[in-house]
Amino acid sequence: MSTPLLGLVILGVVTLVVILIMVPFEKIFGRGGGESTSFHLRPPMLISIHLKNAWTLSEQRVDVTASYKVGYIPKAYAHARLSGFSDRQVEEVAESLSLEGLEAALRELYIPQLLPTGGGYLHAIGPKTDELLFGFGLFLADANIETVTDSDENGHFASLGKYKMKIHTSFRGMLAKDKIRISFDAIWEISTPLLLSPEHRLQIHEEAKEIIFGKARLLVARTTTKQISNEPGRFFELLFDFVNDGLLEGRLSNGHRKGLGLVGIEEINEITSREGIIFTTLRP
């Protein structure tokens, strides 16, 4: 190698060493300490949530355990707050914001909506939690509610609505809008969030039955027998909605909402009046 060429190589090496000394390491290779800023390349975090004494729209406090999967938004770390945080600090931020989002969502949910068939909690939890996480370059990838217990009853809470009760009703002589009295039988299945003593279950049963009678009587009073005969399906849909709304809004003696929900109505086979059959599924 010629002397001029060797001199250029030595000069280049010396220049590179000077640059490495003078310029902060993270300006060239990223953050110091060997920690990459490519948060978005990392797998999602798995976070366990333990929320205590959270209010629901049913005005009952609940304890909730859940598992969240929180991911990193590509390039979001560059504008904001994750830079300089350790992995553990990022997890703590994600857990804190997830708890806040869950608590806010629960305030807008009735207890029956927390049931597997309720269909309400993911729709509410997702946007509220995502909104909080986004400012930190994070997002909610998945959420799973594992357990819900009633804080006010020392944990005696029906496991996600597995406790249900059936209520048999026999409506006789209910006055329709056209002044015709109708009669029919129905069996209602309702869910209750509370796993109660036998005495308290009997109280809930009787109070729910009273709500059902009141709401059914109100709907019948607003409906003509012709409407029932012509559109029985529509009548049954309204009957479900009226009763379900009444159960959701019903209150206990202490003023708190019961948080009951209507699961279903067993088929109403016949509706009759003194003038004859208004609706029937029974074969002659």
C-alpha atoms as a PDB file:
ATOM      1  CA  MET A   1       0.000   0.000   0.000  1.00  0.00           C
ATOM      2  CA  SER A   2       1.441   3.409  -1.014  1.00  0.00           C
ATOM      3  CA  THR A   3       2.235   6.023   1.617  1.00  0.00           C
ATOM      4  CA  PRO A   4      -0.448   8.543   0.456  1.00  0.00           C
ATOM      5  CA  LEU A   5      -3.171   5.815   0.485  1.00  0.00           C
ATOM      6  CA  LEU A   6      -2.087   4.621   3.938  1.00  0.00           C
ATOM      7  CA  GLY A   7      -2.250   8.190   5.181  1.00  0.00           C
ATOM      8  CA  LEU A   8      -5.838   8.557   3.913  1.00  0.00           C
ATOM      9  CA  VAL A   9      -6.904   5.349   5.671  1.00  0.00           C
ATOM     10  CA  ILE A  10      -5.343   6.492   8.967  1.00  0.00           C
ATOM     11  CA  LEU A  11      -6.999   9.898   8.607  1.00  0.00           C
ATOM     12  CA  GLY A  12     -10.374   8.243   8.015  1.00  0.00           C
ATOM     13  CA  VAL A  13     -10.060   6.043  11.087  1.00  0.00           C
ATOM     14  CA  VAL A  14      -9.041   8.984  13.258  1.00  0.00           C
ATOM     15  CA  THR A  15     -11.981  11.055  11.955  1.00  0.00           C
ATOM     16  CA  LEU A  16     -14.469   8.257  12.739  1.00  0.00           C
ATOM     17  CA  VAL A  17     -13.070   7.925  16.277  1.00  0.00           C
ATOM     18  CA  VAL A  18     -13.417  11.671  16.835  1.00  0.00           C
ATOM     19  CA  ILE A  19     -17.014  11.632  15.568  1.00  0.00           C
ATOM     20  CA  LEU A  20     -17.895   8.759  17.891  1.00  0.00           C
ATOM     21  CA  ILE A  21     -16.426  10.641  20.828  1.00  0.00           C
ATOM     22  CA  MET A  22     -17.931  14.047  20.039  1.00  0.00           C
ATOM     23  CA  VAL A  23     -21.431  13.006  18.883  1.00  0.00           C
ATOM     24  CA  PRO A  24     -23.853  11.444  21.424  1.00  0.00           C
ATOM     25  CA  PHE A  25     -24.162   7.718  20.907  1.00  0.00           C
ATOM     26  CA  GLU A  26     -27.960   7.796  20.627  1.00  0.00           C
ATOM     27  CA  LYS A  27     -27.773  10.287  17.743  1.00  0.00           C
ATOM     28  CA  ILE A  28     -26.177   7.589  15.653  1.00  0.00           C
ATOM     29  CA  PHE A  29     -27.445   4.268  16.962  1.00  0.00           C
ATOM     30  CA  GLY A  30     -30.489   5.159  19.018  1.00  0.00           C
ATOM     31  CA  ARG A  31     -30.891   5.503  22.808  1.00  0.00           C
ATOM     32  CA  GLY A  32     -28.025   4.812  25.109  1.00  0.00           C
ATOM     33  CA  GLY A  33     -27.644   1.778  27.300  1.00  0.00           C
ATOM     34  CA  GLY A  34     -28.234  -0.617  24.421  1.00  0.00           C
ATOM     35  CA  GLU A  35     -32.065  -0.140  24.612  1.00  0.00           C
ATOM     36  CA  SER A  36     -33.755   0.099  21.210  1.00  0.00           C
ATOM     37  CA  THR A  37     -36.368   2.767  20.538  1.00  0.00           C
ATOM     38  CA  SER A  38     -38.194   0.446  18.126  1.00  0.00           C
ATOM     39  CA  PHE A  39     -41.063  -0.173  20.558  1.00  0.00           C
ATOM     40  CA  HIS A  40     -43.373  -1.019  17.677  1.00  0.00           C
ATOM     41  CA  LEU A  41     -41.227  -4.047  16.846  1.00  0.00           C
ATOM     42  CA  ARG A  42     -41.787  -5.549  20.276  1.00  0.00           C
ATOM     43  CA  PRO A  43     -44.554  -8.106  20.939  1.00  0.00           C
ATOM     44  CA  PRO A  44     -47.678  -6.839  22.796  1.00  0.00           C
ATOM     45  CA  MET A  45     -47.553  -6.664  26.580  1.00  0.00           C
ATOM     46  CA  LEU A  46     -49.798  -8.967  28.619  1.00  0.00           C
ATOM     47  CA  ILE A  47     -51.283  -7.052  31.541  1.00  0.00           C
ATOM     48  CA  SER A  48     -53.348  -8.374  34.444  1.00  0.00           C
ATOM     49  CA  ILE A  49     -56.020  -5.943  35.654  1.00  0.00           C
ATOM     50  CA  HIS A  50     -57.430  -6.003  39.199  1.00  0.00           C
ATOM     51  CA  LEU A  51     -60.030  -3.256  39.638  1.00  0.00           C
ATOM     52  CA  LYS A  52     -61.728  -2.814  43.022  1.00  0.00           C
ATOM     53  CA  ASN A  53     -64.974  -1.042  43.998  1.00  0.00           C
ATOM     54  CA  ALA A  54     -65.836   0.281  40.538  1.00  0.00           C
ATOM     55  CA  TRP A  55     -69.288   1.776  39.976  1.00  0.00           C
ATOM     56  CA  THR A  56     -71.547   0.377  37.249  1.00  0.00           C
ATOM     57  CA  LEU A  57     -74.537   2.025  35.624  1.00  0.00           C
ATOM     58  CA  SER A  58     -76.618  -0.304  37.815  1.00  0.00           C
ATOM     59  CA  GLU A  59     -75.256   1.732  40.735  1.00  0.00           C
ATOM     60  CA  GLN A  60     -73.561  -1.306  42.213  1.00  0.00           C
ATOM     61  CA  ARG A  61     -69.858  -1.532  42.985  1.00  0.00           C
ATOM     62  CA  VAL A  62     -67.983  -4.425  41.422  1.00  0.00           C
ATOM     63  CA  ASP A  63     -64.526  -5.959  41.554  1.00  0.00           C
ATOM     64  CA  VAL A  64     -63.176  -6.951  38.145  1.00  0.00           C
ATOM     65  CA  THR A  65     -60.204  -9.015  37.041  1.00  0.00           C
ATOM     66  CA  ALA A  66     -59.242  -8.902  33.393  1.00  0.00           C
ATOM     67  CA  SER A  67     -56.361  -9.640  31.068  1.00  0.00           C
ATOM     68  CA  TYR A  68     -55.330  -7.062  28.469  1.00  0.00           C
ATOM     69  CA  LYS A  69     -53.006  -7.293  25.512  1.00  0.00           C
ATOM     70  CA  VAL A  70     -51.462  -3.879  24.810  1.00  0.00           C
ATOM     71  CA  GLY A  71     -49.395  -3.212  21.690  1.00  0.00           C
ATOM     72  CA  TYR A  72     -47.100  -0.445  20.493  1.00  0.00           C
ATOM     73  CA  ILE A  73     -48.209   1.921  17.718  1.00  0.00           C
ATOM     74  CA  PRO A  74     -45.539   2.156  14.978  1.00  0.00           C
ATOM     75  CA  LYS A  75     -43.433   5.344  15.257  1.00  0.00           C
ATOM     76  CA  ALA A  76     -45.647   6.803  17.966  1.00  0.00           C
ATOM     77  CA  TYR A  77     -42.738   6.662  20.443  1.00  0.00           C
ATOM     78  CA  ALA A  78     -40.958   9.355  18.430  1.00  0.00           C
ATOM     79  CA  HIS A  79     -43.410  12.162  19.278  1.00  0.00           C
ATOM     80  CA  ALA A  80     -44.083  11.455  22.873  1.00  0.00           C
ATOM     81  CA  ARG A  81     -43.565   9.838  26.110  1.00  0.00           C
ATOM     82  CA  LEU A  82     -42.091   6.365  25.862  1.00  0.00           C
ATOM     83  CA  SER A  83     -38.607   7.593  25.065  1.00  0.00           C
ATOM     84  CA  GLY A  84     -36.561   7.293  28.215  1.00  0.00           C
ATOM     85  CA  PHE A  85     -38.961   4.869  29.923  1.00  0.00           C
ATOM     86  CA  SER A  86     -37.782   1.443  30.990  1.00  0.00           C
ATOM     87  CA  ASP A  87     -39.818  -1.605  29.985  1.00  0.00           C
ATOM     88  CA  ARG A  88     -41.229  -1.853  33.495  1.00  0.00           C
ATOM     89  CA  GLN A  89     -42.244   1.815  33.475  1.00  0.00           C
ATOM     90  CA  VAL A  90     -44.018   1.352  30.147  1.00  0.00           C
ATOM     91  CA  GLU A  91     -45.934  -1.605  31.615  1.00  0.00           C
ATOM     92  CA  GLU A  92     -46.908   0.480  34.642  1.00  0.00           C
ATOM     93  CA  VAL A  93     -48.206   3.268  32.381  1.00  0.00           C
ATOM     94  CA  ALA A  94     -50.165   0.751  30.294  1.00  0.00           C
ATOM     95  CA  GLU A  95     -51.669  -0.845  33.413  1.00  0.00           C
ATOM     96  CA  SER A  96     -52.636   2.508  34.937  1.00  0.00           C
ATOM     97  CA  LEU A  97     -54.309   3.746  31.746  1.00  0.00           C
ATOM     98  CA  SER A  98     -56.074   0.407  31.205  1.00  0.00           C
ATOM     99  CA  LEU A  99     -57.492   0.552  34.724  1.00  0.00           C
ATOM    100  CA  GLU A 100     -58.690   4.102  34.120  1.00  0.00           C
ATOM    101  CA  GLY A 101     -60.333   3.111  30.833  1.00  0.00           C
ATOM    102  CA  LEU A 102     -62.035   0.069  32.373  1.00  0.00           C
ATOM    103  CA  GLU A 103     -63.363   2.106  35.283  1.00  0.00           C
ATOM    104  CA  ALA A 104     -64.785   4.740  32.926  1.00  0.00           C
ATOM    105  CA  ALA A 105     -66.405   2.059  30.751  1.00  0.00           C
ATOM    106  CA  LEU A 106     -68.021   0.280  33.703  1.00  0.00           C
ATOM    107  CA  ARG A 107     -69.776   3.500  34.715  1.00  0.00           C
ATOM    108  CA  GLU A 108     -71.696   3.270  31.429  1.00  0.00           C
ATOM    109  CA  LEU A 109     -72.588  -0.443  31.627  1.00  0.00           C
ATOM    110  CA  TYR A 110     -75.376  -2.284  33.419  1.00  0.00           C
ATOM    111  CA  ILE A 111     -74.303  -5.472  35.140  1.00  0.00           C
ATOM    112  CA  PRO A 112     -76.146  -7.763  32.645  1.00  0.00           C
ATOM    113  CA  GLN A 113     -74.000  -6.229  29.888  1.00  0.00           C
ATOM    114  CA  LEU A 114     -70.969  -7.784  31.544  1.00  0.00           C
ATOM    115  CA  LEU A 115     -72.362 -11.241  30.821  1.00  0.00           C
ATOM    116  CA  PRO A 116     -70.821 -13.275  27.986  1.00  0.00           C
ATOM    117  CA  THR A 117     -74.021 -12.658  25.973  1.00  0.00           C
ATOM    118  CA  GLY A 118     -74.309  -9.041  27.034  1.00  0.00           C
ATOM    119  CA  GLY A 119     -72.209  -7.768  24.151  1.00  0.00           C
ATOM    120  CA  GLY A 120     -71.610  -4.434  25.791  1.00  0.00           C
ATOM    121  CA  TYR A 121     -68.313  -4.397  27.565  1.00  0.00           C
ATOM    122  CA  LEU A 122     -65.810  -4.754  24.698  1.00  0.00           C
ATOM    123  CA  HIS A 123     -67.600  -2.095  22.686  1.00  0.00           C
ATOM    124  CA  ALA A 124     -67.335   0.304  25.620  1.00  0.00           C
ATOM    125  CA  ILE A 125     -63.932  -0.672  26.988  1.00  0.00           C
ATOM    126  CA  GLY A 126     -62.057  -0.645  23.674  1.00  0.00           C
ATOM    127  CA  PRO A 127     -62.574   3.001  22.611  1.00  0.00           C
ATOM    128  CA  LYS A 128     -62.194   4.440  26.119  1.00  0.00           C
ATOM    129  CA  THR A 129     -58.985   2.550  26.803  1.00  0.00           C
ATOM    130  CA  ASP A 130     -57.567   3.154  23.331  1.00  0.00           C
ATOM    131  CA  GLU A 131     -58.122   6.884  23.685  1.00  0.00           C
ATOM    132  CA  LEU A 132     -56.028   6.924  26.842  1.00  0.00           C
ATOM    133  CA  LEU A 133     -53.315   4.608  25.531  1.00  0.00           C
ATOM    134  CA  PHE A 134     -52.873   6.381  22.201  1.00  0.00           C
ATOM    135  CA  GLY A 135     -51.181   9.432  23.715  1.00  0.00           C
ATOM    136  CA  PHE A 136     -48.407   7.135  24.921  1.00  0.00           C
ATOM    137  CA  GLY A 137     -47.960   5.351  21.616  1.00  0.00           C
ATOM    138  CA  LEU A 138     -49.914   2.302  22.761  1.00  0.00           C
ATOM    139  CA  PHE A 139     -53.171   0.590  21.763  1.00  0.00           C
ATOM    140  CA  LEU A 140     -55.492  -2.103  23.141  1.00  0.00           C
ATOM    141  CA  ALA A 141     -55.059  -5.256  21.066  1.00  0.00           C
ATOM    142  CA  ASP A 142     -57.401  -7.461  23.109  1.00  0.00           C
ATOM    143  CA  ALA A 143     -59.345  -7.505  26.370  1.00  0.00           C
ATOM    144  CA  ASN A 144     -60.845 -10.383  28.314  1.00  0.00           C
ATOM    145  CA  ILE A 145     -63.057  -9.945  31.393  1.00  0.00           C
ATOM    146  CA  GLU A 146     -62.287 -12.930  33.631  1.00  0.00           C
ATOM    147  CA  THR A 147     -64.272 -12.422  36.838  1.00  0.00           C
ATOM    148  CA  VAL A 148     -66.786  -9.924  38.158  1.00  0.00           C
ATOM    149  CA  THR A 149     -67.835  -9.911  41.802  1.00  0.00           C
ATOM    150  CA  ASP A 150     -70.141  -7.694  43.804  1.00  0.00           C
ATOM    151  CA  SER A 151     -68.035  -5.506  46.110  1.00  0.00           C
ATOM    152  CA  ASP A 152     -71.028  -4.635  48.295  1.00  0.00           C
ATOM    153  CA  GLU A 153     -71.875  -8.291  48.935  1.00  0.00           C
ATOM    154  CA  ASN A 154     -68.357  -9.357  49.942  1.00  0.00           C
ATOM    155  CA  GLY A 155     -67.789 -11.171  46.684  1.00  0.00           C
ATOM    156  CA  HIS A 156     -71.097 -13.045  46.552  1.00  0.00           C
ATOM    157  CA  PHE A 157     -71.785 -12.422  42.891  1.00  0.00           C
ATOM    158  CA  ALA A 158     -73.187 -14.837  40.368  1.00  0.00           C
ATOM    159  CA  SER A 159     -70.331 -15.894  38.142  1.00  0.00           C
ATOM    160  CA  LEU A 160     -70.964 -13.727  35.095  1.00  0.00           C
ATOM    161  CA  GLY A 161     -74.706 -14.215  35.262  1.00  0.00           C
ATOM    162  CA  LYS A 162     -74.768 -17.981  35.544  1.00  0.00           C
ATOM    163  CA  TYR A 163     -77.439 -17.565  38.176  1.00  0.00           C
ATOM    164  CA  LYS A 164     -80.783 -17.244  36.442  1.00  0.00           C
ATOM    165  CA  MET A 165     -84.366 -17.621  37.581  1.00  0.00           C
ATOM    166  CA  LYS A 166     -87.612 -18.389  35.789  1.00  0.00           C
ATOM    167  CA  ILE A 167     -90.782 -16.509  36.549  1.00  0.00           C
ATOM    168  CA  HIS A 168     -94.170 -17.945  35.590  1.00  0.00           C
ATOM    169  CA  THR A 169     -96.910 -15.408  34.929  1.00  0.00           C
ATOM    170  CA  SER A 170    -100.562 -15.725  34.097  1.00  0.00           C
ATOM    171  CA  PHE A 171    -102.083 -12.512  32.764  1.00  0.00           C
ATOM    172  CA  ARG A 172    -105.868 -12.429  33.023  1.00  0.00           C
ATOM    173  CA  GLY A 173    -108.221  -9.727  31.793  1.00  0.00           C
ATOM    174  CA  MET A 174    -105.592  -7.143  30.824  1.00  0.00           C
ATOM    175  CA  LEU A 175    -107.282  -4.187  29.140  1.00  0.00           C
ATOM    176  CA  ALA A 176    -106.060  -3.437  25.608  1.00  0.00           C
ATOM    177  CA  LYS A 177    -106.242  -0.039  23.907  1.00  0.00           C
ATOM    178  CA  ASP A 178    -109.517  -0.960  22.154  1.00  0.00           C
ATOM    179  CA  LYS A 179    -111.105  -1.792  25.541  1.00  0.00           C
ATOM    180  CA  ILE A 180    -110.943  -5.540  24.982  1.00  0.00           C
ATOM    181  CA  ARG A 181    -109.555  -7.657  27.825  1.00  0.00           C
ATOM    182  CA  ILE A 182    -106.952 -10.248  26.888  1.00  0.00           C
ATOM    183  CA  SER A 183    -105.301 -13.162  28.680  1.00  0.00           C
ATOM    184  CA  PHE A 184    -102.095 -15.127  28.148  1.00  0.00           C
ATOM    185  CA  ASP A 185     -99.452 -17.113  30.014  1.00  0.00           C
ATOM    186  CA  ALA A 186     -95.703 -16.588  29.775  1.00  0.00           C
ATOM    187  CA  ILE A 187     -92.487 -17.836  31.352  1.00  0.00           C
ATOM    188  CA  TRP A 188     -89.690 -15.292  31.743  1.00  0.00           C
ATOM    189  CA  GLU A 189     -86.031 -16.108  32.273  1.00  0.00           C
ATOM    190  CA  ILE A 190     -84.074 -13.363  33.980  1.00  0.00           C
ATOM    191  CA  SER A 191     -80.457 -13.093  35.058  1.00  0.00           C
ATOM    192  CA  THR A 192     -79.353 -11.620  38.335  1.00  0.00           C
ATOM    193  CA  PRO A 193     -75.823 -10.517  39.226  1.00  0.00           C
ATOM    194  CA  LEU A 194     -76.329 -11.410  42.864  1.00  0.00           C
ATOM    195  CA  LEU A 195     -75.791 -14.832  44.355  1.00  0.00           C
ATOM    196  CA  LEU A 196     -78.068 -14.330  47.316  1.00  0.00           C
ATOM    197  CA  SER A 197     -79.540 -16.150  50.256  1.00  0.00           C
ATOM    198  CA  PRO A 198     -82.791 -18.053  49.573  1.00  0.00           C
ATOM    199  CA  GLU A 199     -84.774 -15.312  51.325  1.00  0.00           C
ATOM    200  CA  HIS A 200     -83.237 -12.585  49.201  1.00  0.00           C
ATOM    201  CA  ARG A 201     -83.734 -14.612  46.002  1.00  0.00           C
ATOM    202  CA  LEU A 202     -87.423 -14.886  46.861  1.00  0.00           C
ATOM    203  CA  GLN A 203     -87.565 -11.117  47.339  1.00  0.00           C
ATOM    204  CA  ILE A 204     -85.901 -10.508  43.959  1.00  0.00           C
ATOM    205  CA  HIS A 205     -88.275 -13.025  42.344  1.00  0.00           C
ATOM    206  CA  GLU A 206     -91.364 -11.256  43.685  1.00  0.00           C
ATOM    207  CA  GLU A 207     -90.081  -7.773  42.863  1.00  0.00           C
ATOM    208  CA  ALA A 208     -89.161  -8.858  39.329  1.00  0.00           C
ATOM    209  CA  LYS A 209     -92.590 -10.436  38.889  1.00  0.00           C
ATOM    210  CA  GLU A 210     -94.222  -7.170  39.922  1.00  0.00           C
ATOM    211  CA  ILE A 211     -92.110  -5.266  37.369  1.00  0.00           C
ATOM    212  CA  ILE A 212     -93.079  -7.748  34.649  1.00  0.00           C
ATOM    213  CA  PHE A 213     -96.797  -7.347  35.374  1.00  0.00           C
ATOM    214  CA  GLY A 214     -96.517  -3.560  35.415  1.00  0.00           C
ATOM    215  CA  LYS A 215     -94.615  -3.316  32.129  1.00  0.00           C
ATOM    216  CA  ALA A 216     -96.797  -5.892  30.353  1.00  0.00           C
ATOM    217  CA  ARG A 217     -99.953  -4.093  31.484  1.00  0.00           C
ATOM    218  CA  LEU A 218     -98.548  -0.787  30.204  1.00  0.00           C
ATOM    219  CA  LEU A 219     -97.750  -2.210  26.759  1.00  0.00           C
ATOM    220  CA  VAL A 220    -101.125  -3.943  26.413  1.00  0.00           C
ATOM    221  CA  ALA A 221    -102.874  -0.671  27.317  1.00  0.00           C
ATOM    222  CA  ARG A 222    -101.067   0.989  24.394  1.00  0.00           C
ATOM    223  CA  THR A 223    -101.823  -1.785  21.889  1.00  0.00           C
ATOM    224  CA  THR A 224    -105.043  -2.815  20.162  1.00  0.00           C
ATOM    225  CA  THR A 225    -106.020  -6.449  19.805  1.00  0.00           C
ATOM    226  CA  LYS A 226    -105.921  -5.943  16.028  1.00  0.00           C
ATOM    227  CA  GLN A 227    -102.279  -4.910  16.214  1.00  0.00           C
ATOM    228  CA  ILE A 228    -101.494  -7.990  18.296  1.00  0.00           C
ATOM    229  CA  SER A 229    -103.332 -10.229  15.841  1.00  0.00           C
ATOM    230  CA  ASN A 230    -101.756  -8.674  12.736  1.00  0.00           C
ATOM    231  CA  GLU A 231     -98.203  -8.293  14.061  1.00  0.00           C
ATOM    232  CA  PRO A 232     -97.642 -10.725  16.946  1.00  0.00           C
ATOM    233  CA  GLY A 233     -93.886 -10.734  16.358  1.00  0.00           C
ATOM    234  CA  ARG A 234     -93.719  -6.989  16.810  1.00  0.00           C
ATOM    235  CA  PHE A 235     -95.828  -7.199  19.952  1.00  0.00           C
ATOM    236  CA  PHE A 236     -93.488  -9.803  21.478  1.00  0.00           C
ATOM    237  CA  GLU A 237     -90.426  -7.684  20.619  1.00  0.00           C
ATOM    238  CA  LEU A 238     -91.955  -4.674  22.362  1.00  0.00           C
ATOM    239  CA  LEU A 239     -92.977  -6.858  25.289  1.00  0.00           C
ATOM    240  CA  PHE A 240     -89.371  -8.023  25.698  1.00  0.00           C
ATOM    241  CA  ASP A 241     -88.021  -4.462  25.489  1.00  0.00           C
ATOM    242  CA  PHE A 242     -90.574  -3.044  27.930  1.00  0.00           C
ATOM    243  CA  VAL A 243     -89.915  -5.719  30.531  1.00  0.00           C
ATOM    244  CA  ASN A 244     -86.144  -5.673  30.084  1.00  0.00           C
ATOM    245  CA  ASP A 245     -86.030  -1.890  30.532  1.00  0.00           C
ATOM    246  CA  GLY A 246     -88.126  -2.225  33.672  1.00  0.00           C
ATOM    247  CA  LEU A 247     -85.832  -4.886  35.125  1.00  0.00           C
ATOM    248  CA  LEU A 248     -82.702  -2.883  34.371  1.00  0.00           C
ATOM    249  CA  GLU A 249     -84.136   0.227  36.003  1.00  0.00           C
ATOM    250  CA  GLY A 250     -85.748  -1.553  38.970  1.00  0.00           C
ATOM    251  CA  ARG A 251     -84.399  -0.562  42.364  1.00  0.00           C
ATOM    252  CA  LEU A 252     -83.725  -2.378  45.605  1.00  0.00           C
ATOM    253  CA  SER A 253     -85.060  -1.134  48.923  1.00  0.00           C
ATOM    254  CA  ASN A 254     -81.764   0.738  49.528  1.00  0.00           C
ATOM    255  CA  GLY A 255     -82.270   2.710  46.323  1.00  0.00           C
ATOM    256  CA  HIS A 256     -79.635   0.900  44.255  1.00  0.00           C
ATOM    257  CA  ARG A 257     -80.621  -0.607  40.917  1.00  0.00           C
ATOM    258  CA  LYS A 258     -81.085  -4.363  40.907  1.00  0.00           C
ATOM    259  CA  GLY A 259     -79.126  -4.813  37.708  1.00  0.00           C
ATOM    260  CA  LEU A 260     -81.473  -7.589  36.547  1.00  0.00           C
ATOM    261  CA  GLY A 261     -81.784  -8.470  32.894  1.00  0.00           C
ATOM    262  CA  LEU A 262     -84.267 -10.376  30.756  1.00  0.00           C
ATOM    263  CA  VAL A 263     -82.637 -13.373  29.073  1.00  0.00           C
ATOM    264  CA  GLY A 264     -85.698 -14.573  27.182  1.00  0.00           C
ATOM    265  CA  ILE A 265     -89.410 -15.292  27.046  1.00  0.00           C
ATOM    266  CA  GLU A 266     -90.514 -18.847  26.492  1.00  0.00           C
ATOM    267  CA  GLU A 267     -92.886 -19.015  23.561  1.00  0.00           C
ATOM    268  CA  ILE A 268     -96.312 -17.511  24.184  1.00  0.00           C
ATOM    269  CA  ASN A 269     -98.582 -20.026  22.510  1.00  0.00           C
ATOM    270  CA  GLU A 270    -101.907 -18.254  22.761  1.00  0.00           C
ATOM    271  CA  ILE A 271    -103.503 -14.890  23.485  1.00  0.00           C
ATOM    272  CA  THR A 272    -107.239 -14.911  24.004  1.00  0.00           C
ATOM    273  CA  SER A 273    -110.142 -12.597  24.818  1.00  0.00           C
ATOM    274  CA  ARG A 274    -113.789 -13.175  25.670  1.00  0.00           C
ATOM    275  CA  GLU A 275    -114.519 -12.722  21.983  1.00  0.00           C
ATOM    276  CA  GLY A 276    -112.157 -15.535  20.969  1.00  0.00           C
ATOM    277  CA  ILE A 277    -108.554 -16.305  20.065  1.00  0.00           C
ATOM    278  CA  ILE A 278    -106.427 -13.288  19.104  1.00  0.00           C
ATOM    279  CA  PHE A 279    -103.197 -15.190  18.487  1.00  0.00           C
ATOM    280  CA  THR A 280    -102.258 -18.862  18.631  1.00  0.00           C
ATOM    281  CA  THR A 281     -99.524 -21.244  17.582  1.00  0.00           C
ATOM    282  CA  LEU A 282    -101.522 -24.252  18.730  1.00  0.00           C
ATOM    283  CA  ARG A 283    -102.980 -26.582  16.134  1.00  0.00           C
ATOM    284  CA  PRO A 284    -106.756 -27.053  16.169  1.00  0.00           C
END
